[in-house]
Protein backbone atom coordinates (compact mmCIF):
# COMPACT_ATOMS: atom_id res chain seq x y z
CA MET A 1 -16.60 42.30 -12.70
CA LYS A 2 -18.31 39.83 -10.20
CA ALA A 3 -17.38 40.81 -6.57
CA ILE A 4 -15.67 37.44 -4.65
CA SER A 5 -16.64 37.27 -1.01
CA ARG A 6 -14.33 36.30 1.31
CA ARG A 7 -15.91 33.04 2.27
CA SER A 8 -16.36 32.34 -1.33
CA MET A 9 -12.53 33.00 -1.50
CA LEU A 10 -11.70 30.63 1.87
CA GLY A 11 -13.68 27.90 0.72
CA GLN A 12 -12.37 27.82 -2.95
CA ALA A 13 -8.84 27.97 -1.07
CA GLY A 14 -9.60 25.14 1.56
CA LEU A 15 -10.61 23.33 -1.42
CA LEU A 16 -7.62 23.19 -3.24
CA ALA A 17 -6.11 22.25 -0.31
CA SER A 18 -7.59 19.60 0.83
CA THR A 19 -7.70 18.01 -2.85
CA ALA A 20 -4.10 18.52 -3.43
CA ALA A 21 -3.04 16.69 -0.18
CA VAL A 22 -4.40 13.44 -1.52
CA GLY A 23 -3.48 13.79 -4.85
CA LEU A 24 -6.36 14.41 -6.52
CA PRO A 25 -7.16 16.72 -9.46
CA VAL A 26 -7.00 19.49 -8.78
CA LEU A 27 -10.08 22.27 -11.29
CA ALA A 28 -8.18 25.80 -11.46
CA ALA A 29 -10.58 28.40 -11.57
CA ALA A 30 -10.73 30.10 -15.43
CA GLY A 31 -8.27 32.31 -16.21
CA ALA A 32 -6.02 30.58 -13.66
CA GLU A 33 -1.86 28.79 -13.91
CA PRO A 34 -2.71 24.75 -14.48
CA ALA A 35 -2.83 23.59 -10.94
CA PRO A 36 0.84 21.60 -10.21
CA ALA A 37 0.91 17.93 -9.69
CA PRO A 38 -1.05 15.70 -7.62
CA ARG A 39 1.77 14.87 -4.80
CA LYS A 40 2.52 11.03 -5.20
CA LEU A 41 1.80 10.08 -1.14
CA ARG A 42 3.84 7.12 -0.03
CA VAL A 43 0.97 4.63 2.00
CA VAL A 44 1.83 1.78 4.79
CA VAL A 45 -0.86 -0.79 5.19
CA THR A 46 0.72 -3.35 7.71
CA GLY A 47 -0.68 -6.76 8.52
CA GLY A 48 0.44 -9.29 11.24
CA HIS A 49 0.28 -12.00 8.22
CA PRO A 50 0.72 -12.29 4.97
CA GLY A 51 -2.64 -11.77 3.61
CA ASP A 52 -4.84 -9.57 6.07
CA PRO A 53 -3.89 -6.58 4.24
CA GLU A 54 -5.07 -8.10 0.76
CA CYS A 55 -8.06 -9.27 2.95
CA GLY A 56 -8.69 -5.54 4.60
CA CYS A 57 -7.59 -3.62 2.44
CA GLY A 58 -6.61 -5.04 -1.24
CA GLY A 59 -9.77 -2.51 -2.66
CA THR A 60 -7.90 0.49 -2.23
CA ILE A 61 -4.62 -0.48 -2.17
CA ALA A 62 -5.44 -1.05 -6.15
CA ARG A 63 -7.48 2.08 -5.85
CA TYR A 64 -3.80 4.14 -4.79
CA THR A 65 -1.52 2.15 -6.93
CA ASP A 66 -3.71 2.90 -10.12
CA ALA A 67 -3.59 6.90 -8.96
CA GLY A 68 -0.19 6.60 -9.05
CA HIS A 69 0.77 6.65 -5.23
CA GLU A 70 3.46 4.35 -3.95
CA VAL A 71 2.33 1.54 -1.41
CA THR A 72 3.91 -0.77 0.77
CA LEU A 73 2.60 -3.98 2.57
CA LEU A 74 4.33 -3.94 5.49
CA TYR A 75 3.95 -7.70 7.24
CA LEU A 76 4.53 -8.12 11.06
CA ASN A 77 6.07 -12.06 10.28
CA ARG A 78 5.93 -13.87 7.06
CA GLY A 79 3.08 -16.86 8.22
CA GLU A 80 5.22 -19.34 9.28
CA PRO A 81 5.53 -20.17 13.35
CA ASP A 82 8.72 -21.82 12.40
CA ALA A 83 10.25 -18.96 10.06
CA PRO A 84 13.20 -17.93 11.10
CA THR A 85 13.35 -14.56 11.56
CA HIS A 86 16.67 -12.66 8.86
CA LEU A 87 14.70 -10.83 5.82
CA GLY A 88 16.55 -13.64 3.09
CA VAL A 89 14.16 -16.39 3.91
CA THR A 90 11.73 -17.47 1.38
CA GLY A 91 8.97 -19.80 1.42
CA VAL A 92 6.12 -20.99 0.64
CA ARG A 93 3.83 -18.35 2.08
CA THR A 94 6.39 -15.20 1.36
CA ALA A 95 6.34 -15.83 -2.51
CA GLU A 96 2.54 -15.45 -2.10
CA ALA A 97 2.47 -11.96 -1.12
CA GLN A 98 5.15 -11.30 -2.72
CA ARG A 99 2.53 -12.18 -6.24
CA ALA A 100 -0.17 -10.73 -4.12
CA CYS A 101 1.73 -7.66 -4.15
CA GLU A 102 2.57 -7.87 -7.73
CA ILE A 103 -1.68 -8.23 -8.52
CA LEU A 104 -1.79 -5.03 -6.54
CA LYS A 105 1.02 -2.70 -7.76
CA ALA A 106 2.72 -2.84 -4.25
CA HIS A 107 5.60 -3.24 -2.62
CA ALA A 108 6.40 -6.28 0.18
CA VAL A 109 8.11 -5.54 3.81
CA PHE A 110 8.29 -7.93 6.34
CA ALA A 111 9.12 -6.74 9.95
CA ARG A 112 11.51 -9.77 11.93
CA GLN A 113 8.94 -11.58 14.21
CA ILE A 114 7.76 -15.13 13.46
CA ASP A 115 4.02 -16.19 13.52
CA GLY A 116 1.99 -17.24 16.61
CA HIS A 117 5.36 -15.11 18.98
CA ALA A 118 4.39 -11.49 18.87
CA ILE A 119 6.98 -9.58 21.07
CA VAL A 120 5.84 -6.15 21.88
CA ASP A 121 8.37 -4.73 24.46
CA PRO A 122 10.64 -2.14 24.10
CA ALA A 123 13.39 -3.35 21.35
CA HIS A 124 11.03 -4.01 19.75
CA TYR A 125 9.06 -1.17 19.33
CA ALA A 126 12.18 0.74 18.39
CA GLU A 127 12.77 -1.27 15.90
CA PHE A 128 9.22 -0.92 14.41
CA ARG A 129 10.11 2.81 14.48
CA GLU A 130 13.40 2.47 12.59
CA LEU A 131 11.74 0.21 9.72
CA LEU A 132 8.25 2.35 9.26
CA ALA A 133 10.48 5.63 9.14
CA LYS A 134 12.06 4.11 6.57
CA GLU A 135 9.14 4.28 4.92
CA ARG A 136 8.33 7.61 5.03
CA PRO A 137 4.89 7.15 4.85
CA ASP A 138 1.61 10.06 4.71
CA VAL A 139 -0.69 7.23 4.91
CA VAL A 140 -0.78 4.28 7.00
CA PHE A 141 -3.57 1.40 7.41
CA THR A 142 -3.21 -0.74 10.26
CA HIS A 143 -5.29 -3.32 12.21
CA TRP A 144 -7.84 -2.57 15.14
CA PRO A 145 -6.68 -2.61 18.32
CA ILE A 146 -8.83 -5.08 20.12
CA ASP A 147 -8.83 -8.12 17.32
CA ASN A 148 -9.07 -11.34 18.09
CA HIS A 149 -5.20 -12.31 16.79
CA ALA A 150 -3.18 -11.84 19.21
CA ASP A 151 -0.53 -10.75 16.20
CA HIS A 152 -2.49 -8.65 14.76
CA ARG A 153 -3.11 -6.47 18.05
CA ALA A 154 0.66 -6.83 18.57
CA MET A 155 1.04 -5.08 15.04
CA SER A 156 -1.81 -2.31 15.75
CA ASN A 157 0.19 -0.82 18.88
CA LEU A 158 3.40 -1.06 16.97
CA VAL A 159 1.91 0.68 14.34
CA TYR A 160 0.32 3.45 17.17
CA ASP A 161 3.98 3.55 19.28
CA ALA A 162 5.38 4.54 16.10
CA TRP A 163 2.99 6.98 15.31
CA PHE A 164 2.61 8.89 19.24
CA ARG A 165 6.50 8.58 19.32
CA GLY A 166 6.58 10.62 15.85
CA GLY A 167 4.66 13.33 15.99
CA ARG A 168 1.24 12.29 14.87
CA ARG A 169 2.62 12.89 11.37
CA PHE A 170 0.95 10.43 9.16
CA ALA A 171 -2.71 9.91 8.63
CA LEU A 172 -3.59 6.49 10.88
CA TYR A 173 -6.35 4.71 10.05
CA TYR A 174 -7.85 1.38 11.32
CA TYR A 175 -8.74 -1.72 9.12
CA GLU A 176 -11.08 -4.54 9.88
CA VAL A 177 -10.50 -8.43 8.58
CA SER A 178 -12.77 -11.20 9.11
CA ASN A 179 -15.40 -8.97 11.01
CA GLY A 180 -17.45 -11.10 13.61
CA GLU A 181 -14.58 -13.37 13.37
CA ASP A 182 -11.61 -11.64 14.15
CA THR A 183 -12.36 -7.66 13.80
CA VAL A 184 -15.16 -6.77 16.25
CA GLN A 185 -16.73 -3.49 16.92
CA PHE A 186 -15.66 -1.78 14.53
CA ALA A 187 -17.63 1.30 13.27
CA PRO A 188 -16.33 2.87 9.76
CA THR A 189 -16.49 6.28 9.58
CA GLN A 190 -15.31 6.54 6.38
CA TYR A 191 -15.46 4.03 2.81
CA VAL A 192 -13.87 3.36 -0.24
CA ASP A 193 -16.14 3.12 -3.26
CA ILE A 194 -14.07 -0.21 -4.66
CA THR A 195 -16.84 -1.97 -6.76
CA ALA A 196 -13.80 -1.62 -9.68
CA THR A 197 -10.77 -3.07 -8.08
CA GLU A 198 -13.27 -5.85 -6.39
CA PRO A 199 -11.79 -8.31 -8.90
CA ARG A 200 -8.26 -7.62 -8.20
CA LYS A 201 -8.49 -7.18 -4.55
CA ARG A 202 -10.07 -11.14 -4.88
CA LYS A 203 -7.03 -11.99 -6.84
CA ALA A 204 -4.96 -10.86 -4.10
CA CYS A 205 -6.40 -12.67 -1.96
CA PHE A 206 -6.49 -15.87 -4.06
CA ALA A 207 -2.59 -15.13 -4.33
CA HIS A 208 -2.35 -16.88 -0.58
CA ALA A 209 -3.18 -19.85 -1.99
CA SER A 210 -2.47 -22.49 1.32
CA GLN A 211 -4.65 -20.63 2.82
CA ARG A 212 -7.69 -21.81 1.53
CA PRO A 213 -9.54 -18.19 0.02
CA GLU A 214 -11.96 -19.98 -1.38
CA LYS A 215 -13.33 -20.76 2.54
CA PHE A 216 -12.14 -17.13 3.94
CA TYR A 217 -13.30 -15.04 1.31
CA ALA A 218 -16.60 -15.17 1.47
CA LEU A 219 -16.53 -13.65 4.39
CA GLN A 220 -14.82 -11.23 2.73
CA GLU A 221 -17.40 -10.45 -0.10
CA THR A 222 -19.82 -10.11 2.64
CA ILE A 223 -18.13 -7.69 4.19
CA THR A 224 -17.32 -5.36 1.34
CA LYS A 225 -20.72 -5.57 -0.18
CA MET A 226 -22.59 -5.25 3.08
CA ARG A 227 -20.11 -1.99 4.16
CA GLY A 228 -21.42 -1.18 0.26
CA ILE A 229 -25.00 -0.98 1.48
CA GLU A 230 -24.05 1.41 4.13
CA SER A 231 -21.78 3.51 1.79
CA GLY A 232 -24.03 3.58 -1.50
CA HIS A 233 -21.77 1.11 -3.58
CA ALA A 234 -21.63 -2.07 -4.95
CA HIS A 235 -19.11 -3.00 -2.98
CA ALA A 236 -16.69 -0.86 -0.11
CA GLU A 237 -14.31 -1.26 2.30
CA GLY A 238 -14.55 1.11 5.55
CA TYR A 239 -12.37 2.60 7.79
CA ILE A 240 -12.06 4.89 10.99
CA ARG A 241 -9.45 7.14 10.92
CA HIS A 242 -7.90 7.94 14.75
CA VAL A 243 -9.39 11.44 15.80
CA GLN A 244 -6.24 12.78 16.04
CA SER A 245 -4.80 11.80 12.41
CA PRO A 246 -3.92 14.09 10.35
CA ASP A 247 -6.79 13.62 6.98
CA PHE A 248 -4.67 12.93 3.77
CA GLY A 249 -8.02 11.39 3.21
CA LEU A 250 -8.89 7.91 1.35
CA PRO A 251 -9.12 7.51 -2.62
CA LEU A 252 -12.10 9.45 -3.71
CA ALA A 253 -13.69 8.06 -0.75
CA GLY A 254 -17.43 7.97 0.16
């Protein structure tokens, strides 16, 4: 019988643990009991407005949902400066967001803020912590904290506060939108190959018809192609994981 070294045993254990954590298939050793079913993750992608998560993370969202994970798109507002804050409001941009979520097989949640008038103060920190806690996330994606749009920066701060005060339990990733136009100084640490899901990302972005996607999506496509060149794929999305964040991993990240 071939002896198994301590190093190989530790290596195999580490691989199995890290693979199971992200919900990917685990290969059982010959003669071992079948591996348990991958754990279903709860993923939250936050955005300042309807359309932001779709543009920055649409391909990754589709990969998560295709793998059976649960994804929530959490919008800071409903994209309309004069929209009332009560949760029952309906409007063009709300309907577009819900349609985009259907395409990505995710579901939408709206915070109680107003487009262009984001408030970050103790009361709103507390309200957002409660809202995010209800989702019980394993992984959260949010805006890069120095985006040019104030609503993006507000959402990033609210997420960071919830993550920090909550004991840094969920994995925290930052994403980009309209690189060079809105997101600046963004250098990804990890990539996700979205070659197969880019068409669904495009369709989800085009669900936001009131925002002239035929004009803005060209830049999004340029970004995914650029990140693809960097990571060796036709299309990719890039992310920065907070250095103190748990590493649950991205869906088959490249």
